Every structure is written in structure tokens, then in C-alpha cells.
Protein backbone atom coordinates (compact mmCIF):
# COMPACT_ATOMS: atom_id res chain seq x y z
CA MET A 1 126.93 189.25 10.23
CA LYS A 2 126.59 192.97 9.61
CA TYR A 3 128.98 195.45 11.24
CA GLY A 4 128.40 199.04 12.33
CA LEU A 5 130.99 201.72 12.95
CA ILE A 6 130.09 204.07 15.78
CA TYR A 7 131.20 207.65 15.23
CA PHE A 8 130.18 211.10 16.42
CA ARG A 9 128.57 212.60 13.34
CA ASN A 10 128.68 216.24 14.44
CA THR A 11 131.96 216.26 16.32
CA ASP A 12 134.26 219.26 16.11
CA ASN A 13 137.18 217.21 17.43
CA ILE A 14 139.35 215.06 15.15
CA GLY A 15 140.16 212.92 18.19
CA ASP A 16 136.64 211.46 18.07
CA ASP A 17 137.24 210.29 14.51
CA ILE A 18 140.61 208.80 15.48
CA LEU A 19 138.80 206.74 18.12
CA SER A 20 136.35 205.42 15.53
CA TYR A 21 139.17 204.70 13.10
CA ALA A 22 140.94 202.67 15.79
CA GLY A 23 137.88 200.42 16.06
CA LYS A 24 137.30 200.21 12.30
CA GLN A 25 140.63 198.44 11.72
CA PHE A 26 139.18 195.23 13.20
CA TYR A 27 136.02 195.06 11.07
CA PRO A 28 135.89 192.77 8.04
CA HIS A 29 133.57 195.36 6.47
CA VAL A 30 131.34 198.26 7.52
CA ASP A 31 127.66 198.02 6.71
CA TYR A 32 126.32 200.85 8.86
CA TYR A 33 127.69 204.13 10.16
CA ILE A 34 126.01 204.81 13.51
CA ASP A 35 125.92 208.16 15.29
CA ARG A 36 127.25 207.85 18.83
CA GLU A 37 124.63 210.29 20.11
CA SER A 38 121.71 208.36 18.57
CA LEU A 39 122.45 204.76 19.50
CA ASP A 40 118.96 204.15 20.82
CA VAL A 41 117.19 204.94 17.53
CA PHE A 42 119.39 202.86 15.25
CA THR A 43 117.43 200.41 13.11
CA PRO A 44 118.94 198.09 10.47
CA ASP A 45 117.41 197.42 7.06
CA LYS A 46 115.94 194.14 8.29
CA ARG A 47 115.56 192.24 11.56
CA GLU A 48 119.18 191.38 12.31
CA TYR A 49 121.99 192.00 14.75
CA VAL A 50 124.70 194.50 13.87
CA ALA A 51 128.01 193.88 15.66
CA THR A 52 129.91 196.94 16.82
CA ILE A 53 132.88 197.88 18.96
CA VAL A 54 131.76 200.44 21.55
CA ASN A 55 135.00 202.28 22.30
CA GLY A 56 135.62 205.94 23.00
CA TRP A 57 133.83 208.69 24.93
CA TYR A 58 130.16 208.37 25.95
CA LEU A 59 128.27 210.70 25.79
CA HIS A 60 126.62 214.10 25.43
CA TYR A 61 122.98 213.00 25.29
CA SER A 62 122.83 210.49 28.12
CA TYR A 63 119.13 209.74 27.54
CA THR A 64 120.11 207.91 24.32
CA PHE A 65 121.88 205.19 26.27
CA GLN A 66 121.16 202.20 26.28
CA PRO A 67 121.66 201.31 22.60
CA SER A 68 118.98 199.88 20.35
CA PRO A 69 118.28 196.14 20.62
CA TYR A 70 119.75 195.47 17.17
CA LEU A 71 123.28 196.32 18.25
CA LEU A 72 125.53 193.48 19.40
CA PRO A 73 128.25 195.36 21.31
CA LEU A 74 131.78 194.80 22.51
CA PHE A 75 132.54 197.29 25.25
CA VAL A 76 136.29 197.88 25.23
CA GLY A 77 138.22 201.12 25.62
CA THR A 78 134.95 202.69 26.78
CA HIS A 79 134.72 205.90 28.83
CA PHE A 80 131.48 207.01 30.47
CA SER A 81 131.38 210.72 31.22
CA LYS A 82 129.26 212.59 33.71
CA ASP A 83 125.82 213.59 32.53
CA GLY A 84 126.35 217.24 31.67
CA MET A 85 122.66 217.92 31.05
CA ILE A 86 120.97 217.33 34.42
CA GLN A 87 122.73 215.88 37.47
CA ASN A 88 126.41 216.25 36.50
CA ASP A 89 127.04 212.68 37.68
CA TRP A 90 126.63 209.08 36.52
CA SER A 91 123.04 208.60 37.66
CA TYR A 92 121.97 207.92 34.06
CA ILE A 93 123.68 204.55 34.49
CA ASP A 94 120.53 203.39 36.25
CA ALA A 95 119.17 199.91 36.98
CA SER A 96 118.13 199.35 33.36
CA VAL A 97 121.52 200.40 31.97
CA VAL A 98 123.28 198.31 34.62
CA ARG A 99 121.35 195.21 33.52
CA TYR A 100 122.26 195.96 29.92
CA LEU A 101 125.98 196.34 30.70
CA GLN A 102 125.93 193.20 32.82
CA GLN A 103 124.47 191.33 29.86
CA TYR A 104 127.36 192.36 27.62
CA GLY A 105 130.13 192.55 30.23
CA PRO A 106 132.78 192.54 31.34
CA VAL A 107 133.17 196.15 30.23
CA GLY A 108 136.68 197.11 29.14
CA CYS A 109 137.12 200.68 30.38
CA ARG A 110 139.42 203.21 28.79
CA ASP A 111 140.40 204.58 32.21
CA ARG A 112 140.46 203.28 35.75
CA HIS A 113 137.97 205.90 36.89
CA THR A 114 135.26 204.52 34.59
CA ALA A 115 136.03 201.01 35.85
CA ASP A 116 135.58 202.24 39.43
CA VAL A 117 132.26 203.94 38.59
CA LEU A 118 130.91 200.73 37.03
CA ALA A 119 132.24 198.54 39.83
CA GLN A 120 130.32 200.65 42.34
CA LYS A 121 127.20 199.89 40.29
CA HIS A 122 128.01 196.16 40.33
CA VAL A 123 128.99 195.98 36.66
CA ASP A 124 131.90 193.63 35.93
CA SER A 125 134.58 195.93 34.52
CA TYR A 126 138.33 196.27 34.04
CA PHE A 127 140.91 198.77 32.80
CA SER A 128 141.53 197.96 29.14
CA GLY A 129 143.27 201.14 28.00
CA CYS A 130 142.40 203.05 24.85
CA LEU A 131 141.93 201.47 21.43
CA THR A 132 144.07 204.19 19.81
CA MET A 133 147.08 202.43 21.37
CA THR A 134 146.55 199.61 18.84
CA LEU A 135 146.97 201.80 15.76
CA PRO A 136 149.48 200.22 13.37
CA LYS A 137 152.31 202.23 11.86
CA PHE A 138 151.87 203.39 8.29
CA ALA A 139 154.24 202.05 5.67
CA ASN A 140 156.55 204.37 3.74
CA VAL A 141 156.20 207.38 6.07
CA VAL A 142 159.35 209.44 5.62
CA PRO A 143 160.60 211.22 8.78
CA ASN A 144 159.77 214.90 8.49
CA HIS A 145 161.96 215.86 11.52
CA GLN A 146 159.36 218.37 12.62
CA THR A 147 158.34 219.44 16.10
CA ILE A 148 154.54 219.28 16.09
CA LEU A 149 152.51 221.38 18.54
CA VAL A 150 148.87 220.33 18.83
CA ASP A 151 146.50 222.68 20.63
CA VAL A 152 149.11 223.92 23.11
CA PRO A 153 148.77 227.28 24.90
CA GLY A 154 150.50 230.25 23.30
CA GLU A 155 153.07 230.58 26.09
CA VAL A 156 154.14 226.95 25.58
CA SER A 157 154.47 227.51 21.84
CA ALA A 158 156.62 230.60 22.43
CA TYR A 159 158.80 228.76 24.95
CA VAL A 160 159.37 225.79 22.64
CA ARG A 161 160.38 228.13 19.83
CA GLN A 162 162.77 229.86 22.20
CA ILE A 163 164.66 226.77 23.37
CA LEU A 164 164.50 224.95 20.02
CA PRO A 165 165.29 227.81 17.62
CA SER A 166 166.68 225.58 14.88
CA ASN A 167 163.73 223.13 14.83
CA GLU A 168 161.03 223.21 12.18
CA ILE A 169 157.94 223.79 14.31
CA VAL A 170 154.45 223.12 12.98
CA GLU A 171 151.29 224.03 14.87
CA LYS A 172 148.14 221.96 14.36
CA THR A 173 144.70 221.75 15.94
CA HIS A 174 142.23 218.92 16.42
CA ARG A 175 139.42 221.48 16.53
CA LEU A 176 137.28 221.51 13.39
CA THR A 177 135.55 224.56 11.97
CA PRO A 178 131.75 224.52 11.59
CA GLU A 179 132.26 224.04 7.85
CA GLU A 180 134.38 220.94 8.45
CA THR A 181 131.99 219.15 10.82
CA GLY A 182 129.41 216.57 9.82
CA GLY A 183 131.08 215.32 6.63
CA GLU A 184 130.89 211.79 5.30
CA TRP A 185 133.20 209.17 6.76
CA PRO A 186 135.59 208.65 3.77
CA GLU A 187 136.49 212.35 3.80
CA ARG A 188 136.96 212.33 7.57
CA GLU A 189 139.09 209.20 7.48
CA ALA A 190 141.37 210.66 4.82
CA ARG A 191 141.84 213.78 6.97
CA LEU A 192 142.70 211.92 10.17
CA ILE A 193 145.12 209.61 8.34
CA GLU A 194 147.04 212.67 7.16
CA TYR A 195 147.27 213.83 10.76
CA LEU A 196 148.48 210.42 11.96
CA LYS A 197 151.12 210.22 9.22
CA LEU A 198 152.33 213.68 10.18
CA TYR A 199 152.67 212.56 13.81
CA GLN A 200 154.44 209.34 12.84
CA GLY A 201 157.08 211.26 10.88
CA ALA A 202 157.72 213.88 13.57
CA ASP A 203 160.74 214.07 15.87
CA ILE A 204 158.43 214.97 18.76
CA VAL A 205 154.79 215.90 19.33
CA ILE A 206 153.69 218.23 22.14
CA THR A 207 149.97 218.28 22.83
CA THR A 208 147.08 218.82 25.21
CA ARG A 209 145.03 216.21 23.33
CA LEU A 210 144.82 212.69 24.74
CA HIS A 211 143.88 211.29 21.34
CA CYS A 212 146.91 212.85 19.80
CA ALA A 213 149.25 211.65 22.56
CA LEU A 214 148.10 208.01 22.72
CA PRO A 215 148.26 207.45 18.95
CA CYS A 216 151.81 208.85 19.06
CA LEU A 217 152.72 206.10 21.55
CA ALA A 218 151.35 203.52 19.12
CA LEU A 219 153.17 205.09 16.17
CA GLY A 220 156.49 205.20 18.05
CA THR A 221 156.74 209.00 18.13
CA PRO A 222 158.15 210.77 21.20
CA VAL A 223 155.37 212.82 22.79
CA ILE A 224 154.94 215.26 25.66
CA PHE A 225 151.48 215.70 27.17
CA VAL A 226 150.70 219.18 28.49
CA ALA A 227 148.49 218.51 31.52
CA SER A 228 146.23 220.71 33.60
CA TYR A 229 146.09 218.31 36.58
CA ASP A 230 142.44 219.17 37.12
CA GLU A 231 139.42 216.90 37.62
CA ASP A 232 139.34 216.06 33.90
CA PHE A 233 142.95 214.87 34.12
CA GLN A 234 142.15 212.68 37.11
CA ILE A 235 139.10 211.15 35.44
CA ARG A 236 140.25 210.66 31.84
CA MET A 237 144.02 210.91 31.64
CA GLU A 238 145.70 209.89 34.87
CA SER A 239 145.45 206.21 33.89
CA PHE A 240 148.03 206.88 31.16
CA ALA A 241 150.44 208.92 33.27
CA ASP A 242 152.87 205.99 33.49
CA TYR A 243 153.12 205.84 29.69
CA LEU A 244 153.25 209.54 28.78
CA PRO A 245 155.79 212.16 29.81
CA HIS A 246 153.51 214.88 31.18
CA TYR A 247 154.11 218.40 32.42
CA SER A 248 151.96 221.36 33.36
CA VAL A 249 152.36 224.69 31.59
CA GLU A 250 154.12 225.97 34.70
CA ASP A 251 156.50 222.97 34.64
CA ILE A 252 157.44 223.68 31.04
CA LEU A 253 157.97 227.40 31.57
CA SER A 254 160.14 226.70 34.62
CA HIS A 255 162.51 224.50 32.56
CA LYS A 256 161.42 221.16 34.05
CA ALA A 257 160.70 219.69 30.60
CA ASP A 258 163.83 221.02 28.87
CA ASP A 259 165.61 217.67 28.75
CA ALA A 260 162.53 215.92 27.35
CA LEU A 261 162.15 218.66 24.73
CA MET A 262 165.77 218.74 23.64
CA HIS A 263 166.32 214.97 23.78
CA PRO A 264 163.06 213.37 22.62
CA ALA A 265 162.52 209.80 23.77
CA GLN A 266 159.64 207.40 23.36
CA GLY A 267 157.30 206.93 26.32
CA ASN A 268 156.94 203.66 28.17
CA SER A 269 155.77 200.75 26.04
CA VAL A 270 152.05 200.14 25.65
CA ASP A 271 152.61 196.82 23.89
CA THR A 272 151.02 194.70 26.63
CA LEU A 273 147.83 196.75 26.79
CA ALA A 274 147.70 197.05 23.00
CA SER A 275 148.08 193.29 22.57
CA GLN A 276 145.25 192.60 25.01
CA LEU A 277 143.03 195.11 23.22
CA ARG A 278 143.74 193.54 19.83
CA THR A 279 142.96 190.07 21.17
CA SER A 280 139.63 191.24 22.63
CA CYS A 281 138.56 192.84 19.35
CA GLN A 282 139.79 189.97 17.16
CA ASP A 283 138.07 187.36 19.34
CA PHE A 284 134.83 189.37 19.20
CA ILE A 285 134.92 189.66 15.42
CA ARG A 286 135.76 185.97 15.00
CA HIS A 287 132.90 184.98 17.31
CA THR A 288 130.37 187.15 15.47
CA MET A 289 131.46 185.70 12.14
CA GLU A 290 131.21 182.09 13.31
CA ALA A 291 128.26 182.03 15.73
CA GLN A 292 124.65 182.04 14.63
CA GLN A 293 122.64 184.75 16.35
CA ASP A 294 119.04 184.08 17.36
CA THR A 295 117.05 187.04 16.04
CA SER A 296 113.61 185.70 17.01
CA LEU A 297 113.32 188.07 19.99
CA LEU A 298 114.20 191.16 17.96
CA PRO A 299 111.31 193.44 16.96
CA GLU A 300 110.67 194.16 13.33
CA PRO A 301 112.47 197.41 12.45
CA SER A 302 109.23 199.01 11.25
CA PHE A 303 107.59 198.24 14.60
CA TYR A 304 110.58 199.62 16.56
CA ARG A 305 110.57 202.80 14.49
CA SER A 306 106.85 203.39 14.94
CA MET A 307 106.69 202.47 18.64
CA TYR A 308 109.91 204.11 19.82
CA VAL A 309 111.78 206.21 17.28
CA ASP A 310 108.79 208.11 15.87
CA ARG A 311 107.08 208.49 19.25
CA THR A 312 110.15 210.07 20.83
CA GLN A 313 111.10 212.27 17.88
CA TYR A 314 109.63 215.51 19.24
CA MET A 315 110.92 214.82 22.75
CA ARG A 316 114.41 214.33 21.34
CA TYR A 317 114.14 217.55 19.34
CA ALA A 318 112.96 219.46 22.41
CA ILE A 319 115.82 218.09 24.54
CA HIS A 320 118.37 219.09 21.90
CA VAL A 321 116.97 222.62 21.71
CA LEU A 322 116.88 223.00 25.48
CA HIS A 323 120.38 221.60 25.81
CA SER A 324 121.68 224.02 23.16
CA ARG A 325 120.05 226.95 24.94
CA CYS A 326 121.44 225.78 28.27
CA CYS A 327 124.93 225.66 26.76
CA GLU A 328 124.49 229.18 25.38
CA TYR A 329 123.34 230.48 28.77
CA LEU A 330 126.24 228.78 30.56
CA LYS A 331 128.66 230.23 28.03
CA GLN A 332 127.24 233.71 28.61
CA ILE A 333 127.36 233.20 32.40
CA ARG A 334 131.05 232.23 32.17
CA LEU A 335 131.74 235.24 29.94
CA ASP A 336 129.90 237.57 32.33
CA SER A 337 131.76 236.02 35.26
CA ASP A 338 135.12 236.55 33.56
CA ASN A 339 134.21 240.14 32.76
CA MET A 340 133.08 240.69 36.34
CA LYS A 341 136.38 239.30 37.66
CA LYS A 342 138.29 241.62 35.34
CA THR A 343 136.14 244.56 36.51
CA VAL A 344 136.71 243.68 40.17
CA THR A 345 140.45 243.36 39.55
CA LEU A 346 140.50 246.74 37.80
CA CYS A 347 138.52 248.37 40.61
CA GLN A 348 140.86 246.87 43.18
CA SER A 349 143.84 248.23 41.27
CA ILE A 350 142.24 251.69 41.14
CA LEU A 351 141.53 251.61 44.87
CA GLU A 352 145.09 250.52 45.62
CA GLU A 353 146.45 253.28 43.40
CA ASN A 354 144.13 255.76 45.08
CA ASP A 355 145.43 254.69 48.50
CA ARG A 356 149.01 254.99 47.27
CA LEU A 357 148.43 258.50 45.94
CA LYS A 358 146.60 259.51 49.11
CA GLN A 359 149.50 258.30 51.26
CA GLN A 360 151.92 260.18 49.02
CA LEU A 361 149.86 263.38 49.32
CA ASP A 362 149.71 262.94 53.09
CA ARG A 363 153.50 262.69 53.23
CA LEU A 364 153.88 265.76 51.04
CA SER A 365 151.43 267.69 53.21
CA GLY A 366 153.39 266.66 56.32
CA ASP A 367 156.63 267.87 54.76
CA VAL A 368 155.05 271.27 54.01
CA VAL A 369 153.80 271.63 57.59
CA ASP A 370 157.22 270.71 59.00
CA ARG A 371 158.84 273.42 56.93
């Protein structure tokens, strides 16, 4: 059996690579590296199945789902996002995708919200948790006794430095520069391992990143999650609220997290979920190694490439270009909106100051008349 590691080739977020790394630990070997955003056009070297663990966040280009027929998937720790390109909902999980998921179900969902979405579409699903909770500790990691801040707002960073003046504080980001994106997997894996070792050795990690916080639980490092309590929190993160100490920026600045900051403690154990995740992945790998797969119904890769991949190449290119332009327009709209709000606020301040000065002049004029 051949095995394929799904990863997001052009990600600018180290968390995506950590998700792929969490799945890779279960593979006996990796024969193919498969771009998450191009699952439908994957073709192996010959007519064969390629087993893969489909965990993590799916996906930017919703039209690429369902995956190619050559992939033999285990859906566990899977999150389906809204389609950000057209409807801003889950309508891309249509009748065809539902049949596909039913074929390979039950689907282990990273969060309860995804499980609810699939259940409403009559897909057998359950809350599995995230595969990053299965990450094993590294051997010979020496405690660095650092306080690690990962992508936290500036006011949180300043506050932490204020109440922990004697701590060695290190600021990190999971955001990659354009020059760092799109590298080969060995380089990316080496980078994320350095991050994970840093987290394992820390006294405490404070972060806005879910895939920094959950690995810290697995590595036994005290962690505080800085939450926004918005729709994204409810969809992706609320399922882990019982395991992670979490506070809003306002909570932290109003001293509600002081005890957790000054006396770091590990979050609630994820051992039960992690054990179930490991068992699912190990059973899948064992089954794929032992069972003979009937490949007679698979198309020849050359036929699949000519009839699907090549025929849709320009359409895919056009969609990518249009999506990029749409993102640029939305970014400009948000920028213009922010500038407009600032302008309105400034105008309101000027009007209020004008009223104040007018009232003051009226009082002064009254005083002159009275005299």
C-alpha cells in the first residue's frame, strides 16, 4: 500500500504544517505529498489506491472536494469550513459529496460544529478532537523556563511583561513570510519541530493560535488561549474550551487571568480523546497494510488526467485568478471601510468640539451682556 501525506503547499501558517505532521506520525512511509487544495486532481504513478489521513482544515477551494478516486481516506480530526468563495455556507457539501462521505464514514470531526453540519446532511459523524492532541513529547528537551507569546495582541504582550517582569519572554509567530511559503516538506518539518520543542520546554505558552494551544496540551506545557469569542471561536474552538484555559483580551487586561499567568498549570487532560484518535489511525494503517484493495474499478491515471485534470485546467486557473481578485477587492473594501469609520469619528469629534466652543462663546457673550 502506498501512503500520501496531505498538506497545504502554499500555506502561510505553520499551524497547517503541524496538522500534517500530526498525521504523518502514523504512516509507515510517505510515498506522495498531496496538496490539500488540489485533492481532486491527484493521480498516482500507476493505477493504485493511496491511503491517507484526512485531518485538519478543509478548505479554501471548495470545488476541489471530493478527492480523486485514487485516495483511500480516513476522515478523523476533520474540519469543514464555510465556502468563502460563493455562498459563505456549507452548500458545497452537496448530494455527491454526501454520498462520498457516507462511503468512507463515520467522519471523525475536529469540532462539534462540523459534526452537527454533517449530521444535518445525514452523514454519520462524531466529535473526534484534533490530531495535534496525539503529538508525542520529544526526548531530551531541556526546560528553557521561557514565557512564549505566539501571535498575541500588543496590549496583551505589554501586560504580560508588566506583571511578569522577571520572566524571560519570547515572542513568536505562526505567520510565514512570502519567502518562507511553499518550501519542500523536509525543510518545513524541521521548522515546525523546532517550534514544538520550544513550546515543550516553556514554562507557559500564551497564544491566539489553536494549533499552538492544542499541541501544548499534548506536550504537557501550561497554555493560555487568548479568545475573541466570535463566530470563529464558536465554530472551531469552543469544542476545546473544557481543556484550555481561555480568556479574552479584556479579561486579561482586567486581571482575570493573573493567577493563571503567575501560577502556570496544565489544562485538563486530553488523554482519552488522544487515545481514541491514535487507535483510529493505527487501526486504519493496519487495515490498509493487511487488506487487499480491488483496483479494477479505478481509471488508468493517464485517462483520468486527460478526461478530468487537463480538461479542467483552465477553469481551475480562472477560478484561482478570480478568487485572488475577489480577496484583493474585499481587502480594499475593508480598508476603505476602516478609513471611512475613522473619518466619521474624526468629523464627529470636530462637530462635538465645535458645539463645545459655541456653547462656551455663548456663555461668554451672555456674561458681557450682563455686565
